[in-house]
N, C-alpha and C. Protein backbone atom coordinates (compact mmCIF):
# COMPACT_ATOMS: atom_id res chain seq x y z
N MET A 1 -26.19 128.74 -12.16
CA MET A 1 -27.33 127.46 -11.38
C MET A 1 -28.41 127.77 -10.53
N THR A 2 -29.32 127.14 -10.59
CA THR A 2 -30.18 127.84 -10.41
C THR A 2 -31.22 127.32 -8.78
N LEU A 3 -32.03 127.82 -8.02
CA LEU A 3 -31.99 127.26 -6.57
C LEU A 3 -32.82 125.23 -6.80
N GLU A 4 -33.46 125.64 -7.98
CA GLU A 4 -34.46 124.24 -8.04
C GLU A 4 -33.42 123.41 -8.35
N THR A 5 -32.24 123.38 -9.62
CA THR A 5 -30.85 122.53 -10.12
C THR A 5 -29.97 122.38 -8.68
N ARG A 6 -29.77 123.04 -7.51
CA ARG A 6 -28.95 122.80 -6.62
C ARG A 6 -29.70 121.83 -5.62
N ALA A 7 -30.88 122.38 -5.52
CA ALA A 7 -31.46 121.78 -4.53
C ALA A 7 -31.71 119.61 -5.06
N ILE A 8 -32.21 119.96 -5.95
CA ILE A 8 -32.50 118.64 -6.50
C ILE A 8 -30.85 117.76 -6.55
N LEU A 9 -29.46 118.13 -7.03
CA LEU A 9 -28.20 117.90 -6.69
C LEU A 9 -28.03 117.74 -5.99
N LYS A 10 -27.98 117.88 -4.75
CA LYS A 10 -28.64 118.41 -2.54
C LYS A 10 -28.46 116.59 -2.82
N SER A 11 -30.08 116.70 -3.02
CA SER A 11 -30.69 115.35 -2.83
C SER A 11 -30.26 114.09 -3.15
N VAL A 12 -29.35 114.41 -4.24
CA VAL A 12 -29.04 113.31 -5.10
C VAL A 12 -27.44 112.72 -4.21
N LEU A 13 -26.88 113.99 -4.23
CA LEU A 13 -25.83 113.97 -3.39
C LEU A 13 -26.21 112.74 -2.11
N LEU A 14 -27.19 113.72 -1.66
CA LEU A 14 -27.11 113.04 -0.01
C LEU A 14 -27.36 111.68 -0.40
N LEU A 15 -29.21 111.51 -1.06
CA LEU A 15 -28.72 109.17 -1.52
C LEU A 15 -28.02 108.89 -1.45
N ALA A 16 -27.08 109.01 -2.06
CA ALA A 16 -26.15 108.50 -2.36
C ALA A 16 -24.78 108.44 -1.47
N MET A 17 -24.83 109.17 -0.56
CA MET A 17 -23.84 109.18 1.14
C MET A 17 -24.27 108.03 2.08
N LEU A 18 -26.03 108.26 1.41
CA LEU A 18 -26.60 107.36 2.45
C LEU A 18 -26.65 105.88 2.40
N ALA A 19 -26.66 105.66 0.93
CA ALA A 19 -26.45 104.02 0.14
C ALA A 19 -24.86 104.13 0.69
N ALA A 20 -24.13 104.47 0.57
CA ALA A 20 -22.62 104.43 0.52
C ALA A 20 -22.59 104.18 2.64
N MET A 21 -22.87 104.28 3.25
CA MET A 21 -22.80 104.05 4.66
C MET A 21 -23.76 103.51 5.11
N LEU A 22 -24.52 103.34 3.88
CA LEU A 22 -26.02 101.48 4.57
C LEU A 22 -24.94 100.85 4.14
N PHE A 23 -25.03 100.52 2.54
CA PHE A 23 -23.68 99.25 2.36
C PHE A 23 -22.52 99.44 1.86
N VAL A 24 -21.63 100.01 2.57
CA VAL A 24 -20.22 99.82 2.45
C VAL A 24 -20.00 99.21 4.13
N PRO A 25 -20.24 99.67 4.71
CA PRO A 25 -19.91 98.49 6.39
C PRO A 25 -20.92 97.28 6.55
N ALA A 26 -21.54 97.59 5.11
CA ALA A 26 -22.87 95.46 4.91
C ALA A 26 -21.42 95.52 4.60
N GLY A 27 -21.11 95.30 3.40
CA GLY A 27 -19.94 94.39 2.79
C GLY A 27 -20.89 93.65 1.75
N THR A 28 -21.83 94.41 1.26
CA THR A 28 -22.66 93.53 0.31
C THR A 28 -23.83 94.17 0.31
N LEU A 29 -24.40 94.35 -1.24
CA LEU A 29 -25.48 94.24 -1.46
C LEU A 29 -26.97 93.80 -0.88
N ARG A 30 -26.97 92.80 -0.81
CA ARG A 30 -27.47 91.27 -0.27
C ARG A 30 -28.51 92.13 1.23
N PHE A 31 -28.38 93.35 1.96
CA PHE A 31 -29.05 93.81 2.74
C PHE A 31 -30.14 94.45 3.07
N TRP A 32 -31.47 93.93 2.15
CA TRP A 32 -33.05 93.81 2.50
C TRP A 32 -33.33 95.57 2.37
N GLN A 33 -33.10 95.10 3.94
CA GLN A 33 -34.23 96.23 4.98
C GLN A 33 -33.42 97.78 4.57
N ALA A 34 -31.68 97.88 4.51
CA ALA A 34 -31.38 99.07 3.94
C ALA A 34 -31.19 99.56 2.54
N TRP A 35 -32.28 98.39 1.39
CA TRP A 35 -33.02 98.81 -0.02
C TRP A 35 -34.36 99.55 0.90
N VAL A 36 -34.85 99.16 1.44
CA VAL A 36 -36.14 99.47 1.61
C VAL A 36 -36.32 100.61 2.41
N PHE A 37 -35.16 101.13 2.67
CA PHE A 37 -34.72 102.92 4.02
C PHE A 37 -34.85 103.13 2.58
N LEU A 38 -33.40 102.86 2.28
CA LEU A 38 -32.92 104.12 1.12
C LEU A 38 -34.15 104.52 0.17
N ALA A 39 -35.40 103.46 -0.28
CA ALA A 39 -36.96 103.34 -0.85
C ALA A 39 -37.19 104.81 -0.69
N VAL A 40 -37.87 104.19 1.07
CA VAL A 40 -38.67 105.62 2.19
C VAL A 40 -37.92 106.52 1.88
N VAL A 41 -36.31 106.78 2.33
CA VAL A 41 -36.18 108.23 2.55
C VAL A 41 -35.64 108.40 1.15
N ALA A 42 -35.97 107.53 -0.03
CA ALA A 42 -36.04 108.63 -1.42
C ALA A 42 -37.47 109.00 -2.44
N GLY A 43 -38.24 108.50 -2.06
CA GLY A 43 -39.52 108.77 -2.20
C GLY A 43 -39.51 109.82 -1.27
N ALA A 44 -39.45 109.55 0.45
CA ALA A 44 -39.79 110.84 1.35
C ALA A 44 -39.00 111.82 0.92
N THR A 45 -37.87 111.98 0.65
CA THR A 45 -37.52 113.79 0.22
C THR A 45 -37.57 114.03 -0.85
N SER A 46 -37.92 113.17 -1.96
CA SER A 46 -38.52 113.94 -3.31
C SER A 46 -39.54 114.48 -3.64
N PHE A 47 -40.53 113.80 -2.69
CA PHE A 47 -42.05 114.62 -3.01
C PHE A 47 -42.11 115.81 -1.95
N PRO A 48 -41.61 116.56 -0.91
CA PRO A 48 -41.52 117.82 -0.25
C PRO A 48 -40.43 118.38 -0.89
N LEU A 49 -39.55 117.67 -1.74
CA LEU A 49 -38.58 118.77 -1.98
C LEU A 49 -39.50 119.42 -3.64
N PHE A 50 -40.00 118.51 -4.54
CA PHE A 50 -40.87 118.83 -5.72
C PHE A 50 -41.77 120.06 -5.13
N TYR A 51 -42.19 119.79 -5.03
CA TYR A 51 -43.21 120.49 -3.66
C TYR A 51 -43.07 121.85 -3.33
N LEU A 52 -42.55 121.82 -2.57
CA LEU A 52 -41.59 122.94 -2.42
C LEU A 52 -40.65 123.89 -3.63
N MET A 53 -40.14 123.64 -4.19
CA MET A 53 -39.84 123.69 -5.94
C MET A 53 -41.50 124.68 -6.95
N ARG A 54 -42.48 124.07 -6.46
CA ARG A 54 -43.33 124.36 -6.70
C ARG A 54 -44.34 125.65 -5.78
N ARG A 55 -44.90 124.99 -4.49
CA ARG A 55 -45.31 125.79 -3.59
C ARG A 55 -45.06 126.89 -2.72
N ASP A 56 -43.77 126.88 -2.75
CA ASP A 56 -42.72 127.83 -1.40
C ASP A 56 -41.58 127.65 -1.57
N PRO A 57 -40.90 128.27 -2.89
CA PRO A 57 -39.99 127.96 -3.41
C PRO A 57 -38.73 129.50 -2.54
N GLY A 58 -39.79 129.71 -1.45
CA GLY A 58 -39.10 130.79 -0.04
C GLY A 58 -38.72 129.82 0.86
N LEU A 59 -39.33 129.18 0.96
CA LEU A 59 -38.71 127.91 2.65
C LEU A 59 -37.57 127.11 1.71
N LEU A 60 -38.19 126.69 0.42
CA LEU A 60 -36.90 125.66 -0.37
C LEU A 60 -35.37 126.86 -0.15
N ALA A 61 -35.29 127.58 -0.05
CA ALA A 61 -34.16 128.40 -0.32
C ALA A 61 -33.79 128.86 1.15
N ARG A 62 -34.46 128.80 2.00
CA ARG A 62 -34.01 128.52 3.17
C ARG A 62 -33.88 127.41 4.24
N ARG A 63 -34.38 126.12 4.13
CA ARG A 63 -33.69 125.12 4.00
C ARG A 63 -32.72 124.93 2.55
N MET A 64 -32.22 124.87 1.62
CA MET A 64 -30.85 124.91 1.30
C MET A 64 -29.57 125.65 2.07
N GLN A 65 -30.08 126.83 2.97
CA GLN A 65 -29.51 128.00 3.88
C GLN A 65 -28.77 127.12 5.26
N THR A 66 -27.70 126.60 5.10
CA THR A 66 -27.26 125.19 6.51
C THR A 66 -26.33 125.66 7.16
N LYS A 67 -25.64 126.77 7.26
CA LYS A 67 -24.37 126.94 8.16
C LYS A 67 -25.27 128.57 8.61
N GLU A 68 -24.37 128.06 9.97
CA GLU A 68 -24.95 127.99 11.49
C GLU A 68 -24.16 129.04 11.56
N LYS A 69 -24.85 130.35 12.88
CA LYS A 69 -24.58 131.89 12.99
C LYS A 69 -23.39 131.63 14.31
N SER A 70 -24.25 130.33 14.96
CA SER A 70 -23.70 131.54 16.88
C SER A 70 -22.60 130.11 16.81
N SER A 71 -22.07 129.60 17.93
CA SER A 71 -21.28 128.43 18.36
C SER A 71 -21.88 127.52 19.04
N GLU A 72 -23.05 127.73 18.96
CA GLU A 72 -23.62 127.41 19.70
C GLU A 72 -25.14 126.17 18.96
N GLN A 73 -25.60 126.96 17.84
CA GLN A 73 -26.04 126.38 17.11
C GLN A 73 -24.83 125.29 16.33
N ARG A 74 -23.38 125.72 15.75
CA ARG A 74 -22.48 124.40 15.73
C ARG A 74 -22.21 123.54 16.37
N LEU A 75 -22.48 124.23 17.57
CA LEU A 75 -22.10 123.21 18.62
C LEU A 75 -22.82 121.92 18.01
N PHE A 76 -24.16 121.92 18.33
CA PHE A 76 -25.46 121.10 17.62
C PHE A 76 -24.47 120.15 16.82
N LYS A 77 -24.66 120.67 14.94
CA LYS A 77 -24.01 119.77 14.26
C LYS A 77 -23.28 119.48 14.32
N ILE A 78 -21.41 119.34 14.95
CA ILE A 78 -20.88 118.89 15.59
C ILE A 78 -21.28 117.29 16.46
N LEU A 79 -22.16 117.39 17.06
CA LEU A 79 -22.31 116.44 18.22
C LEU A 79 -23.50 115.54 17.21
N PHE A 80 -24.27 116.51 16.24
CA PHE A 80 -25.89 115.91 15.62
C PHE A 80 -24.63 114.95 14.94
N VAL A 81 -23.82 115.36 13.49
CA VAL A 81 -24.03 114.78 12.67
C VAL A 81 -23.04 113.50 12.91
N PRO A 82 -21.80 113.37 13.68
CA PRO A 82 -20.80 111.67 13.75
C PRO A 82 -21.99 110.41 14.57
N LEU A 83 -23.34 110.96 15.52
CA LEU A 83 -24.09 110.32 16.05
C LEU A 83 -24.79 109.90 14.66
N TRP A 84 -25.41 111.06 13.46
CA TRP A 84 -26.19 109.56 12.60
C TRP A 84 -25.79 109.07 11.85
N VAL A 85 -24.64 109.36 11.68
CA VAL A 85 -23.64 108.33 10.87
C VAL A 85 -23.46 107.45 11.43
N SER A 86 -23.25 107.65 12.83
CA SER A 86 -23.07 106.35 13.04
C SER A 86 -24.13 105.25 13.32
N ALA A 87 -25.25 106.31 13.30
CA ALA A 87 -26.68 105.15 13.61
C ALA A 87 -26.95 104.72 12.46
N VAL A 88 -27.00 105.15 11.21
CA VAL A 88 -26.89 104.50 9.32
C VAL A 88 -26.56 103.71 9.80
N SER A 89 -25.03 103.77 9.82
CA SER A 89 -24.05 103.14 9.55
C SER A 89 -23.89 101.38 10.70
N VAL A 90 -23.20 101.30 11.44
CA VAL A 90 -23.58 100.22 12.44
C VAL A 90 -24.46 99.56 11.95
N PRO A 91 -25.46 99.50 11.83
CA PRO A 91 -26.45 98.42 11.38
C PRO A 91 -25.65 97.78 10.27
N GLY A 92 -25.09 98.83 9.18
CA GLY A 92 -24.39 97.52 8.23
C GLY A 92 -23.14 97.26 8.83
N LEU A 93 -22.49 97.50 9.61
CA LEU A 93 -21.88 96.70 10.07
C LEU A 93 -22.23 95.19 11.22
N ASP A 94 -23.14 95.27 11.41
CA ASP A 94 -24.45 94.24 12.45
C ASP A 94 -24.77 93.37 11.47
N ARG A 95 -25.09 93.97 10.63
CA ARG A 95 -25.26 93.12 8.83
C ARG A 95 -24.75 92.18 9.17
N ARG A 96 -23.15 92.60 8.42
CA ARG A 96 -22.16 91.75 8.39
C ARG A 96 -21.81 91.19 9.27
N LEU A 97 -21.38 91.76 10.48
CA LEU A 97 -21.14 90.37 11.39
C LEU A 97 -21.79 90.19 12.17
N GLY A 98 -22.89 89.70 12.37
CA GLY A 98 -23.82 89.67 13.47
C GLY A 98 -24.25 90.08 14.57
N TRP A 99 -24.02 91.05 15.00
CA TRP A 99 -23.59 91.24 17.08
C TRP A 99 -25.28 90.78 16.80
N SER A 100 -26.15 91.07 16.12
CA SER A 100 -27.20 91.66 16.89
C SER A 100 -28.19 90.20 16.65
N ARG A 101 -27.80 89.48 15.46
CA ARG A 101 -28.68 87.17 15.59
C ARG A 101 -28.03 86.98 16.26
N ASP A 102 -26.54 87.38 17.07
CA ASP A 102 -26.26 86.29 17.73
C ASP A 102 -26.42 86.25 19.61
N LEU A 103 -26.08 87.97 19.66
CA LEU A 103 -26.87 88.25 20.69
C LEU A 103 -28.38 87.88 21.29
N LEU A 104 -29.22 87.66 20.17
CA LEU A 104 -31.18 88.64 20.96
C LEU A 104 -31.65 87.50 20.04
N GLY A 105 -30.84 87.38 18.62
CA GLY A 105 -31.78 86.54 17.77
C GLY A 105 -32.25 87.23 16.84
N GLY A 106 -31.75 88.30 16.83
CA GLY A 106 -32.13 89.25 15.22
C GLY A 106 -33.56 90.24 15.54
N VAL A 107 -33.76 91.04 14.36
CA VAL A 107 -34.94 91.64 14.91
C VAL A 107 -35.68 91.35 14.22
N PRO A 108 -36.93 90.57 14.61
CA PRO A 108 -37.90 89.94 13.24
C PRO A 108 -38.71 91.12 13.38
N LEU A 109 -39.20 90.55 11.58
CA LEU A 109 -39.52 91.24 10.75
C LEU A 109 -40.88 91.90 10.90
N TRP A 110 -41.58 91.34 11.85
CA TRP A 110 -42.40 92.48 12.28
C TRP A 110 -41.81 94.08 12.69
N LEU A 111 -41.02 94.17 13.37
CA LEU A 111 -40.86 94.94 14.51
C LEU A 111 -39.85 95.48 13.30
N THR A 112 -39.34 94.92 12.65
CA THR A 112 -38.38 96.08 10.89
C THR A 112 -39.48 96.91 10.05
N VAL A 113 -40.69 96.10 10.19
CA VAL A 113 -41.93 96.82 9.34
C VAL A 113 -42.69 98.13 10.27
N LEU A 114 -42.94 97.52 11.32
CA LEU A 114 -43.86 98.62 12.31
C LEU A 114 -42.43 99.60 12.36
N ALA A 115 -40.96 99.57 12.48
CA ALA A 115 -40.17 100.24 12.85
C ALA A 115 -39.80 101.87 11.65
N GLU A 116 -40.11 100.79 9.92
CA GLU A 116 -40.23 101.47 8.80
C GLU A 116 -41.55 102.29 8.66
N ALA A 117 -42.41 101.88 9.50
CA ALA A 117 -43.95 102.47 9.09
C ALA A 117 -43.42 104.36 10.09
N VAL A 118 -42.77 103.80 11.67
CA VAL A 118 -43.02 104.83 12.02
C VAL A 118 -41.38 106.34 11.88
N VAL A 119 -40.99 105.55 10.54
CA VAL A 119 -39.56 106.53 9.64
C VAL A 119 -41.02 107.13 8.68
N ILE A 120 -41.62 106.40 7.88
CA ILE A 120 -42.43 107.27 7.32
C ILE A 120 -43.94 108.24 8.30
N GLY A 121 -43.86 107.62 8.82
CA GLY A 121 -44.94 108.76 10.55
C GLY A 121 -44.36 109.89 10.37
N GLY A 122 -42.57 109.79 10.50
CA GLY A 122 -41.65 110.85 10.99
C GLY A 122 -41.46 112.05 9.43
N TYR A 123 -41.78 111.61 8.36
CA TYR A 123 -41.36 111.74 6.87
C TYR A 123 -42.90 112.97 6.89
N VAL A 124 -44.11 111.98 7.27
CA VAL A 124 -44.99 112.70 7.03
C VAL A 124 -45.45 113.97 7.75
N LEU A 125 -45.38 113.73 9.06
CA LEU A 125 -45.44 114.77 10.41
C LEU A 125 -43.89 115.97 9.42
N LEU A 126 -42.90 115.73 8.76
CA LEU A 126 -42.36 116.66 8.66
C LEU A 126 -42.67 117.60 7.84
N PHE A 127 -43.48 116.97 6.77
CA PHE A 127 -43.84 117.64 5.24
C PHE A 127 -45.30 117.96 6.16
N ALA A 128 -45.92 117.63 6.97
CA ALA A 128 -46.37 118.50 7.33
C ALA A 128 -46.53 119.80 8.55
N VAL A 129 -45.60 120.13 8.98
CA VAL A 129 -44.57 121.25 9.00
C VAL A 129 -44.21 121.96 8.13
N LEU A 130 -43.89 121.02 7.24
CA LEU A 130 -43.08 122.50 5.93
C LEU A 130 -44.78 123.00 5.77
N LYS A 131 -45.55 122.48 5.28
CA LYS A 131 -46.78 123.42 4.84
C LYS A 131 -47.55 124.41 5.84
N ALA A 132 -47.04 124.05 7.35
CA ALA A 132 -47.44 124.80 8.01
C ALA A 132 -46.20 126.09 7.80
N ASN A 133 -45.51 125.41 8.07
CA ASN A 133 -44.53 127.62 8.57
C ASN A 133 -43.73 127.21 7.09
N THR A 134 -43.60 128.69 7.02
CA THR A 134 -43.02 129.27 5.01
C THR A 134 -41.79 128.99 6.42
N PHE A 135 -41.46 128.78 7.32
CA PHE A 135 -40.21 129.83 8.13
C PHE A 135 -39.29 128.72 8.65
N ALA A 136 -40.11 127.88 8.10
CA ALA A 136 -39.02 126.71 8.89
C ALA A 136 -37.91 126.14 7.66
N ALA A 137 -36.88 127.46 8.59
CA ALA A 137 -35.13 127.27 8.09
C ALA A 137 -35.01 126.40 8.67
N ALA A 138 -33.11 125.62 7.95
CA ALA A 138 -32.38 124.72 8.88
C ALA A 138 -31.85 125.05 9.19
N THR A 139 -31.86 126.20 10.18
CA THR A 139 -31.09 127.48 10.92
C THR A 139 -31.65 127.79 11.71
N ILE A 140 -31.14 128.38 13.20
CA ILE A 140 -32.37 128.81 13.66
C ILE A 140 -32.14 130.99 13.43
N ARG A 141 -33.04 131.00 12.88
CA ARG A 141 -33.02 132.85 12.34
C ARG A 141 -34.20 132.88 12.90
N VAL A 142 -34.18 134.52 12.89
CA VAL A 142 -35.91 135.16 12.92
C VAL A 142 -35.94 135.95 11.82
N GLU A 143 -36.75 136.13 11.07
CA GLU A 143 -36.54 137.28 9.73
C GLU A 143 -37.85 138.29 10.06
N ALA A 144 -37.67 138.89 9.39
CA ALA A 144 -38.73 140.82 8.77
C ALA A 144 -39.75 139.51 8.53
N GLY A 145 -40.58 140.22 8.91
CA GLY A 145 -41.87 139.84 8.81
C GLY A 145 -42.44 138.11 9.38
N GLN A 146 -41.80 137.49 10.14
CA GLN A 146 -42.21 136.18 10.74
C GLN A 146 -43.24 136.43 11.54
N LYS A 147 -43.54 135.11 12.51
CA LYS A 147 -44.81 135.12 12.92
C LYS A 147 -45.04 133.98 13.52
N VAL A 148 -45.63 134.13 14.98
CA VAL A 148 -46.10 132.85 15.55
C VAL A 148 -46.32 131.64 13.90
N ILE A 149 -45.95 130.65 14.25
CA ILE A 149 -47.37 129.65 13.75
C ILE A 149 -47.56 128.78 14.50
N SER A 150 -49.07 128.78 14.53
CA SER A 150 -49.63 128.01 15.75
C SER A 150 -50.97 126.38 15.37
N ASP A 151 -50.67 126.19 13.74
CA ASP A 151 -51.48 125.60 12.74
C ASP A 151 -50.89 124.32 13.17
N GLY A 152 -51.57 123.22 12.69
CA GLY A 152 -51.09 122.09 11.93
C GLY A 152 -50.65 121.44 13.48
N PRO A 153 -49.39 121.39 12.58
CA PRO A 153 -48.71 120.31 14.28
C PRO A 153 -48.27 120.96 15.64
N TYR A 154 -48.79 122.22 15.56
CA TYR A 154 -47.90 123.81 16.04
C TYR A 154 -49.25 123.70 16.91
N ARG A 155 -50.18 123.14 16.73
CA ARG A 155 -51.21 123.26 18.06
C ARG A 155 -50.80 122.14 19.10
N CYS A 156 -49.70 120.92 19.22
CA CYS A 156 -49.49 120.03 19.60
C CYS A 156 -48.43 120.48 20.51
N VAL A 157 -47.37 120.35 19.58
CA VAL A 157 -46.47 120.78 20.44
C VAL A 157 -45.11 122.38 19.85
N ARG A 158 -44.41 122.99 20.52
CA ARG A 158 -43.88 123.82 20.06
C ARG A 158 -42.99 123.44 18.86
N HIS A 159 -42.69 122.17 18.74
CA HIS A 159 -41.60 122.14 17.83
C HIS A 159 -41.81 121.02 17.49
N PRO A 160 -42.14 121.30 16.69
CA PRO A 160 -42.95 119.46 15.76
C PRO A 160 -41.98 119.27 14.68
N MET A 161 -40.79 120.11 14.31
CA MET A 161 -40.14 119.23 13.36
C MET A 161 -39.12 118.66 13.81
N TYR A 162 -38.45 118.54 15.70
CA TYR A 162 -38.12 117.98 15.67
C TYR A 162 -38.61 117.05 16.51
N SER A 163 -39.83 116.95 16.31
CA SER A 163 -40.42 115.17 17.09
C SER A 163 -40.10 114.45 15.47
N ALA A 164 -40.70 115.13 14.08
CA ALA A 164 -40.30 113.88 13.37
C ALA A 164 -39.22 113.45 13.45
N ILE A 165 -38.06 114.48 13.34
CA ILE A 165 -36.48 113.70 13.10
C ILE A 165 -36.92 113.05 14.71
N LEU A 166 -37.10 113.36 15.72
CA LEU A 166 -36.56 111.98 16.24
C LEU A 166 -38.04 110.64 16.00
N LEU A 167 -39.01 110.76 15.60
CA LEU A 167 -39.47 109.83 15.64
C LEU A 167 -38.64 109.08 14.66
N MET A 168 -37.64 109.27 13.03
CA MET A 168 -36.94 109.02 11.85
C MET A 168 -36.13 108.79 12.91
N VAL A 169 -35.38 109.33 13.69
CA VAL A 169 -33.91 108.67 14.02
C VAL A 169 -33.91 107.47 14.11
N LEU A 170 -35.24 106.73 15.81
CA LEU A 170 -34.98 106.07 17.36
C LEU A 170 -35.19 105.14 16.39
N ALA A 171 -36.34 105.32 15.14
CA ALA A 171 -36.49 104.11 14.41
C ALA A 171 -35.94 103.54 13.16
N THR A 172 -34.76 103.91 13.12
CA THR A 172 -34.20 103.78 12.76
C THR A 172 -33.05 102.70 12.53
N PRO A 173 -32.50 102.88 13.43
CA PRO A 173 -31.61 101.20 13.35
C PRO A 173 -32.87 99.75 14.06
N LEU A 174 -33.34 99.23 14.47
CA LEU A 174 -35.13 98.84 14.14
C LEU A 174 -35.15 98.35 12.55
N ALA A 175 -35.81 99.20 12.08
CA ALA A 175 -35.39 98.91 10.57
C ALA A 175 -34.90 99.28 9.90
N LEU A 176 -33.60 99.24 9.55
CA LEU A 176 -32.21 98.01 9.29
C LEU A 176 -31.93 97.17 10.42
N GLY A 177 -32.61 96.84 10.48
CA GLY A 177 -32.53 95.46 11.16
C GLY A 177 -31.42 95.39 12.58
N SER A 178 -31.27 95.99 13.43
CA SER A 178 -30.00 95.84 14.18
C SER A 178 -30.64 96.55 15.63
N TYR A 179 -30.38 95.33 17.09
CA TYR A 179 -30.37 95.69 17.30
C TYR A 179 -29.17 97.10 18.71
N ILE A 180 -28.25 96.77 17.45
CA ILE A 180 -26.42 97.26 18.65
C ILE A 180 -26.84 99.11 18.77
N ALA A 181 -27.45 99.61 17.22
CA ALA A 181 -27.77 100.25 17.01
C ALA A 181 -28.44 101.81 17.48
N VAL A 182 -29.06 100.97 18.25
CA VAL A 182 -30.37 101.85 18.96
C VAL A 182 -29.68 102.58 20.73
N PRO A 183 -28.60 102.27 21.18
CA PRO A 183 -28.39 102.35 22.05
C PRO A 183 -27.36 104.20 21.10
N LEU A 184 -27.21 104.65 20.76
CA LEU A 184 -26.86 105.36 19.81
C LEU A 184 -27.95 106.45 19.10
N THR A 185 -28.65 106.55 18.43
CA THR A 185 -30.02 106.95 18.08
C THR A 185 -30.60 107.40 19.90
N VAL A 186 -30.31 106.65 20.57
CA VAL A 186 -30.54 107.15 21.75
C VAL A 186 -30.27 108.29 22.32
N LEU A 187 -28.47 108.67 22.47
CA LEU A 187 -27.96 109.33 22.53
C LEU A 187 -28.18 111.06 21.73
N ILE A 188 -28.58 110.61 20.75
CA ILE A 188 -29.39 111.48 19.34
C ILE A 188 -29.93 112.42 20.17
N VAL A 189 -31.31 112.00 21.17
CA VAL A 189 -32.12 112.58 22.26
C VAL A 189 -31.58 114.31 23.28
N PRO A 190 -30.67 113.76 23.87
CA PRO A 190 -30.86 114.65 24.32
C PRO A 190 -29.11 116.65 23.32
N VAL A 191 -29.35 115.50 22.58
CA VAL A 191 -28.45 116.76 21.75
C VAL A 191 -30.17 117.44 21.03
N LEU A 192 -31.12 116.41 20.88
CA LEU A 192 -31.51 117.58 20.22
C LEU A 192 -32.31 118.53 20.73
N VAL A 193 -32.16 118.20 22.66
CA VAL A 193 -32.94 118.63 22.97
C VAL A 193 -32.65 120.41 23.47
N TYR A 194 -30.65 119.61 23.69
CA TYR A 194 -30.11 121.35 23.77
C TYR A 194 -30.40 122.39 22.29
N ARG A 195 -30.63 121.51 21.27
CA ARG A 195 -30.90 122.43 20.20
C ARG A 195 -31.91 122.80 19.95
N LEU A 196 -32.98 122.15 21.21
CA LEU A 196 -34.08 122.78 20.97
C LEU A 196 -34.01 124.32 21.61
N ALA A 197 -33.19 124.38 23.06
CA ALA A 197 -33.02 124.51 24.46
C ALA A 197 -32.77 126.57 23.78
N ASN A 198 -31.87 126.35 23.01
CA ASN A 198 -30.87 127.38 22.06
C ASN A 198 -32.46 128.22 21.15
N GLU A 199 -32.89 126.72 20.38
CA GLU A 199 -34.39 127.75 19.98
C GLU A 199 -34.71 128.55 20.55
N GLU A 200 -35.24 128.53 21.51
CA GLU A 200 -36.83 128.43 21.77
C GLU A 200 -35.98 130.24 22.99
N LYS A 201 -34.42 129.95 22.71
CA LYS A 201 -34.00 131.42 23.69
C LYS A 201 -33.94 132.22 22.64
N VAL A 202 -33.74 131.69 21.93
CA VAL A 202 -33.76 132.83 20.73
C VAL A 202 -35.05 133.58 20.06
N LEU A 203 -36.14 132.42 19.66
CA LEU A 203 -37.30 133.01 19.57
C LEU A 203 -37.85 133.52 20.14
N LEU A 204 -37.95 133.80 22.20
CA LEU A 204 -38.88 134.60 22.88
C LEU A 204 -37.69 135.73 22.64
N ARG A 205 -36.93 135.91 22.37
CA ARG A 205 -36.10 136.72 22.67
C ARG A 205 -36.60 138.04 21.00
N GLU A 206 -36.37 137.19 19.96
CA GLU A 206 -36.44 137.58 18.49
C GLU A 206 -38.06 138.10 17.98
N LEU A 207 -38.45 136.78 18.66
CA LEU A 207 -40.25 136.98 17.91
C LEU A 207 -41.42 137.14 18.63
N PRO A 208 -41.91 137.87 18.63
CA PRO A 208 -43.19 138.98 18.85
C PRO A 208 -44.27 137.74 18.98
N GLY A 209 -44.98 137.78 20.08
CA GLY A 209 -46.26 136.69 20.83
C GLY A 209 -45.82 135.25 21.29
N TYR A 210 -43.89 134.81 20.81
CA TYR A 210 -43.69 133.67 21.13
C TYR A 210 -43.84 132.94 22.46
N ALA A 211 -43.41 134.27 23.28
CA ALA A 211 -43.77 133.45 25.03
C ALA A 211 -45.44 133.05 25.68
N GLU A 212 -46.25 134.32 24.67
CA GLU A 212 -47.46 134.08 24.55
C GLU A 212 -48.16 132.28 24.21
N TYR A 213 -47.88 132.17 22.81
CA TYR A 213 -47.71 130.96 22.57
C TYR A 213 -46.96 130.13 23.34
N CYS A 214 -45.77 129.89 24.52
CA CYS A 214 -44.98 129.08 24.44
C CYS A 214 -46.56 128.50 25.75
N ARG A 215 -46.93 129.75 26.69
CA ARG A 215 -47.60 129.50 27.87
C ARG A 215 -48.89 128.95 27.27
N ARG A 216 -49.80 128.94 25.82
CA ARG A 216 -51.14 127.94 25.08
C ARG A 216 -50.27 126.96 25.86
N THR A 217 -49.15 126.78 24.50
CA THR A 217 -48.68 125.48 24.45
C THR A 217 -47.70 124.37 25.44
N ARG A 218 -47.98 123.75 25.27
CA ARG A 218 -47.17 124.03 26.56
C ARG A 218 -45.82 122.37 26.83
N TYR A 219 -46.74 121.98 25.63
CA TYR A 219 -45.23 120.38 25.06
C TYR A 219 -44.43 121.25 24.18
N ARG A 220 -43.06 121.25 24.31
CA ARG A 220 -42.21 121.47 22.98
C ARG A 220 -42.07 119.96 22.38
N LEU A 221 -42.28 118.48 22.90
CA LEU A 221 -42.20 117.05 21.50
C LEU A 221 -42.56 116.69 21.73
N ALA A 222 -43.03 116.08 22.95
CA ALA A 222 -44.60 114.85 22.93
C ALA A 222 -45.31 115.37 24.36
N PRO A 223 -46.61 115.17 22.93
CA PRO A 223 -47.44 115.47 24.38
C PRO A 223 -47.92 114.99 25.22
N TRP A 224 -48.20 115.49 26.78
CA TRP A 224 -48.26 115.13 28.33
C TRP A 224 -47.05 114.59 28.21
N VAL A 225 -45.82 114.23 27.70
CA VAL A 225 -44.23 113.84 27.62
C VAL A 225 -43.16 115.08 28.02
N TYR A 226 -42.82 115.79 27.41
CA TYR A 226 -41.90 117.16 27.03
C TYR A 226 -42.27 117.98 26.12
């Protein structure tokens, strides 16, 4: 099976799993926020996939390798995955049981639209990262010939991929019409910071020039914040 075929099959499988996490807890397909969210994710993941298939198959291969090497990296997945699954699934329960509606009057349309726009913005930033950095693997590692990237979004923050993930994660509950799931996404923030700190240790130790880049680029995730 070719790399491209495996990548497409994996993408379809992940979308099917996302659909299940959205609609099964809701107990209905009449969940318009979930349909919009699913459409956004499908479009926003398909475009980079086909871009990498044509322009950067090496990066596509790196993104397909998801087995972590160190215990610190594996701990990140153990913490991150359940929180992300909960953040996506709880809005469906909220839709079925009406928690946000009963407690806070429900998420207004304007806020849902704004949150969806933030999710899209996160995917746009993620695509910019992939265009700028052909070594943006799914796992933490330093390869032969790898160099420090300081162009594109890397001019603003040292870890723009995590910035993109953070935007998408924090906006997801509101995009799905749920206040109740927001605390679950907030818990993801320290998990991402943990991952970031571990990655910086590896890069400082193994990537020539990274220490100088850190001195030039002060912020890790958000300009003027962190």
